[in-house]
């Protein structure tokens, strides 16, 4: 059984201790940095009122929709361009140029084309997800060793069998690495979308409310919720990748 490594908790505990110390000593204005207890009470208030559940569920639904849309389109295009030389030469230069445009630069266009509502948020999340999934899938397919492809020719596999039995397994590590990155980035994109577009139910709400009312305990409570959900996304992405590539780990152990 793998032992838990608690070393990663050292710095957060030190920071929490310093926070508690300086606020108790009132070295910083309480209006700018409230006591940890006040942040905890703000959390309990959101929990008891049901606001916390409502915000998190709304953000997760928004996130999931954008991730599925961006992931499917990114993986599909990555496979098409990776397998088809003509499509690769036709579309790759454009996509490689577009990837250098910061995703936040698309926000004004999204607002003008799709409005400030839910559709723009989902499209923004999908765009953030698209890039890592597409390029990792494309690179994974393009970089399949020729020796592996020659094996498929020797066994006279059909194009469909070659794809599912040779190319896709060989490209799987790169594809899942892209999905792993996209899953983490999608949460960052969700927070950004809720902040930059018209406010609606979501995890950014407490931060905006606390900012408008100058209640730092509410702002910090909102930030803590975003951080915890983001950490869970990171762990889920790692588990997702390890689970789907467990066959590769088994092969490495045998060799």
Protein backbone atom coordinates (compact mmCIF):
# COMPACT_ATOMS: atom_id res chain seq x y z
CA UNK A 1 0.00 0.00 0.00
CA UNK A 2 1.33 3.40 -0.99
CA UNK A 3 2.17 5.65 1.97
CA UNK A 4 0.67 9.11 2.11
CA UNK A 5 3.13 11.95 1.71
CA UNK A 6 2.22 14.81 4.04
CA UNK A 7 5.09 17.08 3.03
CA UNK A 8 2.83 18.98 0.63
CA UNK A 9 0.75 20.16 3.59
CA UNK A 10 3.67 21.86 5.35
CA UNK A 11 3.56 25.20 3.49
CA UNK A 12 -0.27 25.56 3.66
CA UNK A 13 -0.13 24.92 7.41
CA UNK A 14 2.64 27.49 7.86
CA UNK A 15 0.68 30.07 5.84
CA UNK A 16 -2.46 29.33 7.82
CA UNK A 17 -0.53 29.76 11.06
CA UNK A 18 0.87 33.12 9.92
CA UNK A 19 -2.59 34.22 8.83
CA UNK A 20 -4.04 33.34 12.23
CA UNK A 21 -1.16 35.03 14.05
CA UNK A 22 -1.22 38.37 12.22
CA UNK A 23 -5.02 38.63 12.36
CA UNK A 24 -5.20 37.85 16.08
CA UNK A 25 -2.47 40.43 16.74
CA UNK A 26 -4.35 42.85 14.43
CA UNK A 27 -1.19 43.74 12.54
CA UNK A 28 -3.35 44.04 9.42
CA UNK A 29 -6.67 45.84 9.15
CA UNK A 30 -9.42 43.19 9.73
CA UNK A 31 -11.35 44.74 6.85
CA UNK A 32 -8.51 43.68 4.52
CA UNK A 33 -7.63 40.34 6.10
CA UNK A 34 -10.33 38.83 8.33
CA UNK A 35 -9.87 36.13 10.93
CA UNK A 36 -9.97 32.51 9.72
CA UNK A 37 -13.04 32.05 11.92
CA UNK A 38 -14.92 34.70 9.94
CA UNK A 39 -14.13 32.91 6.66
CA UNK A 40 -15.32 29.65 8.21
CA UNK A 41 -18.58 31.31 9.30
CA UNK A 42 -19.06 32.63 5.75
CA UNK A 43 -18.58 29.09 4.48
CA UNK A 44 -21.13 27.71 6.95
CA UNK A 45 -23.58 30.42 5.97
CA UNK A 46 -23.25 29.46 2.28
CA UNK A 47 -23.60 25.80 3.19
CA UNK A 48 -26.71 26.26 5.32
CA UNK A 49 -28.44 28.56 2.85
CA UNK A 50 -27.83 26.13 -0.02
CA UNK A 51 -25.95 28.80 -1.98
CA UNK A 52 -22.74 26.74 -1.95
CA UNK A 53 -24.38 23.69 -3.54
CA UNK A 54 -26.20 25.80 -6.10
CA UNK A 55 -23.05 27.64 -7.16
CA UNK A 56 -20.83 24.55 -7.36
CA UNK A 57 -23.39 22.47 -9.28
CA UNK A 58 -24.01 25.29 -11.78
CA UNK A 59 -20.27 25.70 -12.39
CA UNK A 60 -19.71 21.95 -12.73
CA UNK A 61 -22.52 21.64 -15.28
CA UNK A 62 -21.08 24.58 -17.22
CA UNK A 63 -17.63 23.05 -17.00
CA UNK A 64 -18.73 19.57 -18.06
CA UNK A 65 -20.60 20.87 -21.10
CA UNK A 66 -17.62 22.91 -22.27
CA UNK A 67 -15.19 20.06 -21.62
CA UNK A 68 -17.23 17.55 -23.62
CA UNK A 69 -17.72 19.93 -26.56
CA UNK A 70 -14.08 21.06 -26.68
CA UNK A 71 -12.74 17.56 -26.03
CA UNK A 72 -14.81 15.85 -28.72
CA UNK A 73 -14.01 18.48 -31.35
CA UNK A 74 -10.32 18.60 -30.38
CA UNK A 75 -9.86 14.82 -30.38
CA UNK A 76 -11.82 14.42 -33.61
CA UNK A 77 -9.85 17.06 -35.51
CA UNK A 78 -6.57 15.82 -34.05
CA UNK A 79 -7.24 12.31 -35.32
CA UNK A 80 -8.38 13.54 -38.75
CA UNK A 81 -5.39 15.77 -39.34
CA UNK A 82 -2.99 13.25 -37.84
CA UNK A 83 -4.20 10.50 -40.17
CA UNK A 84 -4.84 12.50 -43.36
CA UNK A 85 -1.84 14.20 -44.99
CA UNK A 86 -3.98 16.41 -47.24
CA UNK A 87 -6.10 17.73 -44.37
CA UNK A 88 -2.94 18.20 -42.31
CA UNK A 89 -1.30 20.41 -44.95
CA UNK A 90 -4.51 22.35 -45.50
CA UNK A 91 -5.56 23.12 -41.90
CA UNK A 92 -2.45 22.80 -39.70
CA UNK A 93 -0.84 26.16 -40.62
CA UNK A 94 -4.05 28.01 -39.71
CA UNK A 95 -4.55 26.15 -36.44
CA UNK A 96 -0.92 26.64 -35.47
CA UNK A 97 -1.29 30.37 -36.07
CA UNK A 98 -4.57 30.63 -34.13
CA UNK A 99 -3.13 28.85 -31.08
CA UNK A 100 -0.84 31.86 -30.48
CA UNK A 101 -3.87 34.09 -29.89
CA UNK A 102 -4.54 34.24 -26.14
CA UNK A 103 -7.94 32.73 -25.36
CA UNK A 104 -8.99 35.82 -23.41
CA UNK A 105 -8.58 37.83 -26.61
CA UNK A 106 -11.60 35.97 -27.99
CA UNK A 107 -13.94 37.29 -25.28
CA UNK A 108 -14.96 40.54 -27.07
CA UNK A 109 -15.81 38.57 -30.20
CA UNK A 110 -17.78 36.00 -28.22
CA UNK A 111 -19.78 38.74 -26.54
CA UNK A 112 -20.56 40.37 -29.88
CA UNK A 113 -21.43 37.10 -31.61
CA UNK A 114 -23.14 35.10 -28.85
CA UNK A 115 -24.02 37.64 -26.16
CA UNK A 116 -23.09 37.69 -22.49
CA UNK A 117 -25.03 34.59 -21.47
CA UNK A 118 -24.48 30.90 -20.93
CA UNK A 119 -23.61 30.08 -24.53
CA UNK A 120 -20.57 32.37 -24.51
CA UNK A 121 -19.32 30.81 -21.29
CA UNK A 122 -19.58 27.28 -22.63
CA UNK A 123 -17.89 28.24 -25.91
CA UNK A 124 -15.05 29.91 -23.99
CA UNK A 125 -14.51 26.78 -21.86
CA UNK A 126 -14.67 24.58 -24.97
CA UNK A 127 -12.05 26.74 -26.69
CA UNK A 128 -9.66 26.41 -23.75
CA UNK A 129 -10.17 22.63 -23.73
CA UNK A 130 -9.83 22.31 -27.51
CA UNK A 131 -6.19 23.40 -27.79
CA UNK A 132 -4.45 20.84 -25.53
CA UNK A 133 -6.69 17.99 -26.67
CA UNK A 134 -6.25 18.74 -30.36
CA UNK A 135 -2.47 19.25 -30.37
CA UNK A 136 -1.74 16.29 -28.08
CA UNK A 137 -3.97 14.02 -30.16
CA UNK A 138 -2.43 15.29 -33.39
CA UNK A 139 1.14 14.86 -32.10
CA UNK A 140 0.33 11.42 -30.69
CA UNK A 141 -0.98 10.15 -34.03
CA UNK A 142 1.76 11.79 -36.13
CA UNK A 143 4.52 10.43 -33.91
CA UNK A 144 3.48 6.77 -34.01
CA UNK A 145 6.74 4.98 -34.95
CA UNK A 146 6.94 3.65 -38.50
CA UNK A 147 8.08 0.28 -37.18
CA UNK A 148 4.71 -0.15 -35.49
CA UNK A 149 2.88 0.73 -38.69
CA UNK A 150 5.05 -1.78 -40.58
CA UNK A 151 3.92 -4.51 -38.18
CA UNK A 152 0.31 -3.77 -39.14
CA UNK A 153 1.26 -4.09 -42.82
CA UNK A 154 3.02 -7.39 -42.21
CA UNK A 155 -0.10 -8.82 -40.57
CA UNK A 156 -2.19 -7.31 -43.40
CA UNK A 157 -4.53 -5.49 -41.05
CA UNK A 158 -7.36 -3.46 -42.54
CA UNK A 159 -7.26 0.34 -42.14
CA UNK A 160 -9.91 0.13 -39.41
CA UNK A 161 -8.05 -2.61 -37.52
CA UNK A 162 -4.78 -0.71 -37.92
CA UNK A 163 -6.37 2.37 -36.39
CA UNK A 164 -7.93 0.64 -33.37
CA UNK A 165 -5.24 -1.98 -32.71
CA UNK A 166 -2.07 -0.10 -33.63
CA UNK A 167 -2.33 3.68 -34.03
CA UNK A 168 -4.82 4.49 -31.26
CA UNK A 169 -3.03 2.45 -28.53
CA UNK A 170 0.32 3.95 -29.55
CA UNK A 171 -1.09 7.49 -29.47
CA UNK A 172 -3.11 6.93 -26.27
CA UNK A 173 -0.50 8.30 -23.81
CA UNK A 174 -0.33 11.61 -25.68
CA UNK A 175 -4.12 11.78 -26.07
CA UNK A 176 -4.77 11.18 -22.38
CA UNK A 177 -2.06 13.66 -21.44
CA UNK A 178 -3.97 16.27 -23.45
CA UNK A 179 -7.25 15.34 -21.77
CA UNK A 180 -5.52 15.54 -18.40
CA UNK A 181 -4.26 19.07 -19.09
CA UNK A 182 -7.62 20.09 -20.57
CA UNK A 183 -9.52 18.86 -17.51
CA UNK A 184 -7.45 21.09 -15.23
CA UNK A 185 -7.53 24.06 -17.62
CA UNK A 186 -11.30 23.72 -18.03
CA UNK A 187 -11.83 24.66 -14.39
CA UNK A 188 -9.63 27.74 -14.76
CA UNK A 189 -11.65 28.61 -17.88
CA UNK A 190 -14.91 28.15 -15.98
CA UNK A 191 -13.83 30.60 -13.31
CA UNK A 192 -12.63 33.06 -15.97
CA UNK A 193 -15.87 32.77 -17.94
CA UNK A 194 -17.98 33.45 -14.86
CA UNK A 195 -15.86 36.45 -14.00
CA UNK A 196 -15.68 38.11 -17.43
CA UNK A 197 -19.18 37.42 -18.71
CA UNK A 198 -22.50 38.49 -17.17
CA UNK A 199 -22.79 37.24 -13.61
CA UNK A 200 -24.95 34.16 -13.08
CA UNK A 201 -25.10 31.33 -10.57
CA UNK A 202 -21.58 29.93 -10.11
CA UNK A 203 -18.57 29.68 -7.82
CA UNK A 204 -17.41 33.20 -8.68
CA UNK A 205 -20.59 34.70 -7.21
CA UNK A 206 -19.32 34.87 -3.60
CA UNK A 207 -16.15 36.64 -4.78
CA UNK A 208 -18.12 39.23 -6.75
CA UNK A 209 -20.61 39.71 -3.90
CA UNK A 210 -17.83 40.07 -1.36
CA UNK A 211 -16.02 42.54 -3.60
CA UNK A 212 -19.12 44.69 -4.07
CA UNK A 213 -19.98 44.64 -0.35
CA UNK A 214 -16.31 44.86 0.73
CA UNK A 215 -16.60 41.66 2.76
CA UNK A 216 -13.21 40.01 2.52
CA UNK A 217 -14.35 36.94 4.44
CA UNK A 218 -16.84 36.20 1.66
CA UNK A 219 -14.17 36.77 -1.00
CA UNK A 220 -11.76 34.38 0.76
CA UNK A 221 -14.52 31.81 1.24
CA UNK A 222 -15.22 31.93 -2.51
CA UNK A 223 -11.52 31.60 -3.31
CA UNK A 224 -11.24 28.59 -0.98
CA UNK A 225 -14.15 26.84 -2.72
CA UNK A 226 -12.56 27.44 -6.15
CA UNK A 227 -9.21 26.13 -4.89
CA UNK A 228 -10.71 22.96 -3.38
CA UNK A 229 -12.71 22.14 -6.52
CA UNK A 230 -9.65 22.86 -8.66
CA UNK A 231 -7.56 20.49 -6.53
CA UNK A 232 -10.20 17.77 -6.94
CA UNK A 233 -10.10 18.34 -10.70
CA UNK A 234 -6.33 17.94 -10.69
CA UNK A 235 -6.55 14.67 -8.71
CA UNK A 236 -9.35 13.40 -10.93
CA UNK A 237 -7.32 14.16 -14.06
CA UNK A 238 -4.34 12.24 -12.70
CA UNK A 239 -6.52 9.28 -11.72
CA UNK A 240 -8.23 9.38 -15.13
CA UNK A 241 -4.91 9.22 -16.96
CA UNK A 242 -3.42 6.49 -14.74
CA UNK A 243 -6.58 4.37 -14.94
CA UNK A 244 -6.84 4.51 -18.72
CA UNK A 245 -3.14 3.81 -19.20
CA UNK A 246 -2.89 1.03 -16.61
CA UNK A 247 -2.25 -1.48 -19.43
CA UNK A 248 0.90 0.48 -20.35
CA UNK A 249 2.19 0.35 -16.76
CA UNK A 250 1.62 -3.41 -16.73
CA UNK A 251 3.64 -3.79 -19.95
CA UNK A 252 6.49 -1.68 -18.52
CA UNK A 253 6.64 -3.87 -15.41
CA UNK A 254 6.91 -7.02 -17.53
CA UNK A 255 9.70 -5.54 -19.62
